[in-house]
Amino acid sequence: MANGREFDRESIYQITVKGKLDPQWSGWFDGLVIAPQEDDETLIAGPVADQAALHGLLAKIRDLGLPLLFVERLEHTPSLQDRASCP
């Protein structure tokens, strides 16, 4: 079972919401990619610093009134400590 620390570092996330969001909102979402999809959905994707930043991102989505459809953590971004532990 994960101890939670692996989730408290930068990771790549893909979040799908119901509704169309213009790519110009990228700046408000800290530079994440905003990609309108078919079926009146929008993909928000990119690196998120840690769990606190993820919760802040989800709060922004909530504040816009966009229904949350899907959240996926794709991978974490290797830190210097991770790189040092590689053989």
N, C-alpha and C. Protein backbone atom coordinates (compact mmCIF):
# COMPACT_ATOMS: atom_id res chain seq x y z
N MET A 1 0.84 -1.18 0.00
CA MET A 1 0.00 0.00 0.00
C MET A 1 0.88 1.24 0.00
N ALA A 2 0.52 2.22 -0.79
CA ALA A 2 1.30 3.46 -0.89
C ALA A 2 1.19 4.24 0.42
N ASN A 3 2.29 4.88 0.81
CA ASN A 3 2.29 5.65 2.05
C ASN A 3 1.85 7.09 1.84
N GLY A 4 1.51 7.47 0.65
CA GLY A 4 1.04 8.81 0.37
C GLY A 4 2.12 9.74 -0.13
N ARG A 5 3.37 9.45 0.18
CA ARG A 5 4.45 10.34 -0.24
C ARG A 5 4.63 10.34 -1.75
N GLU A 6 4.36 9.22 -2.40
CA GLU A 6 4.52 9.19 -3.85
C GLU A 6 3.52 10.12 -4.53
N PHE A 7 2.43 10.47 -3.84
CA PHE A 7 1.44 11.36 -4.41
C PHE A 7 1.72 12.82 -4.05
N ASP A 8 2.70 13.06 -3.19
CA ASP A 8 3.00 14.42 -2.78
C ASP A 8 4.21 14.97 -3.53
N ARG A 9 4.22 14.71 -4.83
CA ARG A 9 5.25 15.26 -5.72
C ARG A 9 4.60 15.51 -7.07
N GLU A 10 5.32 16.19 -7.93
CA GLU A 10 4.76 16.55 -9.23
C GLU A 10 4.39 15.31 -10.03
N SER A 11 3.18 15.34 -10.60
CA SER A 11 2.68 14.25 -11.43
C SER A 11 1.92 14.84 -12.61
N ILE A 12 1.78 14.04 -13.64
CA ILE A 12 1.00 14.44 -14.81
C ILE A 12 -0.44 13.97 -14.60
N TYR A 13 -1.39 14.88 -14.79
CA TYR A 13 -2.80 14.55 -14.64
C TYR A 13 -3.56 14.87 -15.91
N GLN A 14 -4.59 14.08 -16.18
CA GLN A 14 -5.59 14.37 -17.20
C GLN A 14 -6.93 14.44 -16.50
N ILE A 15 -7.62 15.55 -16.69
CA ILE A 15 -8.92 15.76 -16.07
C ILE A 15 -9.91 16.08 -17.17
N THR A 16 -11.03 15.37 -17.18
CA THR A 16 -12.08 15.63 -18.16
C THR A 16 -13.27 16.22 -17.44
N VAL A 17 -13.80 17.31 -18.00
CA VAL A 17 -14.97 17.97 -17.44
C VAL A 17 -16.06 18.05 -18.50
N LYS A 18 -17.29 18.16 -18.06
CA LYS A 18 -18.41 18.36 -18.97
C LYS A 18 -18.50 19.85 -19.26
N GLY A 19 -18.62 20.20 -20.52
CA GLY A 19 -18.70 21.60 -20.93
C GLY A 19 -17.48 22.00 -21.75
N LYS A 20 -17.66 23.03 -22.53
CA LYS A 20 -16.57 23.55 -23.37
C LYS A 20 -15.85 24.67 -22.63
N LEU A 21 -14.55 24.55 -22.59
CA LEU A 21 -13.70 25.57 -21.98
C LEU A 21 -12.70 26.00 -23.04
N ASP A 22 -12.62 27.30 -23.30
CA ASP A 22 -11.72 27.82 -24.31
C ASP A 22 -10.26 27.62 -23.88
N PRO A 23 -9.38 27.28 -24.82
CA PRO A 23 -7.96 27.10 -24.49
C PRO A 23 -7.32 28.34 -23.85
N GLN A 24 -7.93 29.52 -24.02
CA GLN A 24 -7.39 30.74 -23.41
C GLN A 24 -7.43 30.70 -21.88
N TRP A 25 -8.17 29.76 -21.30
CA TRP A 25 -8.22 29.60 -19.85
C TRP A 25 -6.94 28.96 -19.31
N SER A 26 -6.03 28.55 -20.17
CA SER A 26 -4.81 27.86 -19.75
C SER A 26 -4.04 28.64 -18.68
N GLY A 27 -3.93 29.94 -18.83
CA GLY A 27 -3.22 30.76 -17.85
C GLY A 27 -3.84 30.70 -16.47
N TRP A 28 -5.16 30.68 -16.41
CA TRP A 28 -5.86 30.61 -15.13
C TRP A 28 -5.64 29.25 -14.47
N PHE A 29 -5.40 28.24 -15.31
CA PHE A 29 -5.12 26.89 -14.82
C PHE A 29 -3.61 26.62 -14.79
N ASP A 30 -2.83 27.64 -14.47
CA ASP A 30 -1.38 27.51 -14.28
C ASP A 30 -0.66 26.89 -15.47
N GLY A 31 -1.11 27.22 -16.68
CA GLY A 31 -0.43 26.77 -17.89
C GLY A 31 -0.77 25.37 -18.35
N LEU A 32 -1.74 24.71 -17.72
CA LEU A 32 -2.14 23.38 -18.17
C LEU A 32 -2.77 23.47 -19.55
N VAL A 33 -2.71 22.39 -20.30
CA VAL A 33 -3.32 22.33 -21.63
C VAL A 33 -4.83 22.24 -21.47
N ILE A 34 -5.55 23.07 -22.22
CA ILE A 34 -7.01 23.04 -22.25
C ILE A 34 -7.40 22.63 -23.66
N ALA A 35 -8.01 21.46 -23.80
CA ALA A 35 -8.33 20.92 -25.12
C ALA A 35 -9.80 20.52 -25.21
N PRO A 36 -10.63 21.35 -25.87
CA PRO A 36 -12.02 20.97 -26.07
C PRO A 36 -12.12 19.65 -26.84
N GLN A 37 -13.04 18.80 -26.41
CA GLN A 37 -13.24 17.49 -27.02
C GLN A 37 -14.64 17.42 -27.63
N GLU A 38 -14.93 16.29 -28.25
CA GLU A 38 -16.28 16.06 -28.76
C GLU A 38 -17.22 15.85 -27.57
N ASP A 39 -18.49 15.79 -27.86
CA ASP A 39 -19.51 15.50 -26.84
C ASP A 39 -19.54 16.53 -25.72
N ASP A 40 -19.25 17.80 -26.04
CA ASP A 40 -19.33 18.88 -25.05
C ASP A 40 -18.48 18.60 -23.81
N GLU A 41 -17.25 18.16 -24.02
CA GLU A 41 -16.32 17.89 -22.93
C GLU A 41 -15.02 18.64 -23.18
N THR A 42 -14.25 18.85 -22.11
CA THR A 42 -12.94 19.50 -22.20
C THR A 42 -11.92 18.69 -21.41
N LEU A 43 -10.75 18.52 -22.00
CA LEU A 43 -9.63 17.85 -21.34
C LEU A 43 -8.69 18.93 -20.79
N ILE A 44 -8.33 18.80 -19.53
CA ILE A 44 -7.36 19.68 -18.87
C ILE A 44 -6.20 18.77 -18.47
N ALA A 45 -5.00 19.07 -18.96
CA ALA A 45 -3.90 18.12 -18.73
C ALA A 45 -2.57 18.83 -18.53
N GLY A 46 -1.69 18.16 -17.77
CA GLY A 46 -0.35 18.66 -17.58
C GLY A 46 0.17 18.35 -16.19
N PRO A 47 1.35 18.88 -15.88
CA PRO A 47 1.96 18.61 -14.58
C PRO A 47 1.28 19.39 -13.46
N VAL A 48 1.08 18.70 -12.34
CA VAL A 48 0.51 19.31 -11.14
C VAL A 48 1.51 19.07 -10.01
N ALA A 49 1.86 20.12 -9.28
CA ALA A 49 2.98 20.07 -8.33
C ALA A 49 2.84 19.01 -7.24
N ASP A 50 1.66 18.90 -6.64
CA ASP A 50 1.47 17.96 -5.53
C ASP A 50 -0.03 17.85 -5.25
N GLN A 51 -0.38 17.15 -4.17
CA GLN A 51 -1.80 16.95 -3.85
C GLN A 51 -2.49 18.27 -3.52
N ALA A 52 -1.81 19.18 -2.85
CA ALA A 52 -2.42 20.48 -2.54
C ALA A 52 -2.76 21.23 -3.82
N ALA A 53 -1.86 21.20 -4.79
CA ALA A 53 -2.12 21.86 -6.08
C ALA A 53 -3.26 21.17 -6.83
N LEU A 54 -3.34 19.85 -6.73
CA LEU A 54 -4.43 19.12 -7.37
C LEU A 54 -5.77 19.53 -6.77
N HIS A 55 -5.83 19.62 -5.45
CA HIS A 55 -7.07 20.04 -4.80
C HIS A 55 -7.44 21.47 -5.20
N GLY A 56 -6.44 22.34 -5.34
CA GLY A 56 -6.69 23.70 -5.80
C GLY A 56 -7.23 23.73 -7.22
N LEU A 57 -6.68 22.88 -8.08
CA LEU A 57 -7.14 22.78 -9.46
C LEU A 57 -8.59 22.29 -9.50
N LEU A 58 -8.89 21.28 -8.71
CA LEU A 58 -10.26 20.75 -8.67
C LEU A 58 -11.23 21.80 -8.11
N ALA A 59 -10.77 22.63 -7.18
CA ALA A 59 -11.62 23.71 -6.66
C ALA A 59 -11.91 24.74 -7.74
N LYS A 60 -10.93 25.05 -8.59
CA LYS A 60 -11.16 25.99 -9.70
C LYS A 60 -12.21 25.44 -10.66
N ILE A 61 -12.12 24.14 -10.94
CA ILE A 61 -13.09 23.50 -11.83
C ILE A 61 -14.48 23.58 -11.21
N ARG A 62 -14.56 23.29 -9.91
CA ARG A 62 -15.83 23.38 -9.19
C ARG A 62 -16.39 24.81 -9.24
N ASP A 63 -15.52 25.79 -9.00
CA ASP A 63 -15.96 27.18 -8.97
C ASP A 63 -16.49 27.66 -10.32
N LEU A 64 -16.04 27.05 -11.41
CA LEU A 64 -16.56 27.38 -12.74
C LEU A 64 -17.87 26.66 -13.03
N GLY A 65 -18.27 25.75 -12.14
CA GLY A 65 -19.51 25.01 -12.33
C GLY A 65 -19.41 23.92 -13.38
N LEU A 66 -18.19 23.45 -13.65
CA LEU A 66 -17.99 22.40 -14.65
C LEU A 66 -18.07 21.04 -13.97
N PRO A 67 -19.00 20.18 -14.38
CA PRO A 67 -19.09 18.84 -13.79
C PRO A 67 -17.82 18.03 -14.08
N LEU A 68 -17.26 17.44 -13.06
CA LEU A 68 -16.07 16.62 -13.16
C LEU A 68 -16.46 15.23 -13.65
N LEU A 69 -15.83 14.79 -14.75
CA LEU A 69 -16.14 13.48 -15.32
C LEU A 69 -15.06 12.44 -15.03
N PHE A 70 -13.79 12.87 -15.02
CA PHE A 70 -12.70 11.90 -14.94
C PHE A 70 -11.43 12.59 -14.48
N VAL A 71 -10.70 11.94 -13.58
CA VAL A 71 -9.38 12.41 -13.15
C VAL A 71 -8.44 11.22 -13.20
N GLU A 72 -7.31 11.38 -13.90
CA GLU A 72 -6.34 10.29 -14.00
C GLU A 72 -4.93 10.81 -13.78
N ARG A 73 -4.22 10.16 -12.89
CA ARG A 73 -2.79 10.45 -12.67
C ARG A 73 -2.02 9.54 -13.61
N LEU A 74 -1.30 10.14 -14.55
CA LEU A 74 -0.59 9.36 -15.55
C LEU A 74 0.76 8.88 -15.06
N GLU A 75 1.51 9.76 -14.45
CA GLU A 75 2.86 9.42 -13.97
C GLU A 75 3.34 10.56 -13.11
N HIS A 76 4.38 10.30 -12.36
CA HIS A 76 5.01 11.42 -11.64
C HIS A 76 6.22 11.88 -12.44
N THR A 77 6.57 13.13 -12.26
CA THR A 77 7.74 13.70 -12.91
C THR A 77 8.94 13.38 -12.02
N PRO A 78 9.96 12.73 -12.55
CA PRO A 78 11.10 12.33 -11.71
C PRO A 78 11.75 13.52 -11.02
N SER A 79 11.99 13.39 -9.73
CA SER A 79 12.69 14.43 -8.98
C SER A 79 14.18 14.11 -8.97
N LEU A 80 14.97 15.02 -8.45
CA LEU A 80 16.40 14.78 -8.34
C LEU A 80 16.67 13.57 -7.45
N GLN A 81 15.88 13.40 -6.39
CA GLN A 81 16.05 12.26 -5.50
C GLN A 81 15.77 10.96 -6.24
N ASP A 82 14.72 10.93 -7.09
CA ASP A 82 14.42 9.75 -7.89
C ASP A 82 15.58 9.42 -8.82
N ARG A 83 16.12 10.45 -9.46
CA ARG A 83 17.21 10.24 -10.41
C ARG A 83 18.46 9.71 -9.70
N ALA A 84 18.70 10.20 -8.49
CA ALA A 84 19.87 9.76 -7.73
C ALA A 84 19.76 8.30 -7.32
N SER A 85 18.54 7.80 -7.15
CA SER A 85 18.37 6.42 -6.71
C SER A 85 18.39 5.43 -7.87
N CYS A 86 18.44 5.93 -9.11
CA CYS A 86 18.50 5.04 -10.27
C CYS A 86 19.91 4.47 -10.41
N PRO A 87 20.03 3.19 -10.81
CA PRO A 87 21.37 2.60 -10.97
C PRO A 87 22.14 3.20 -12.12
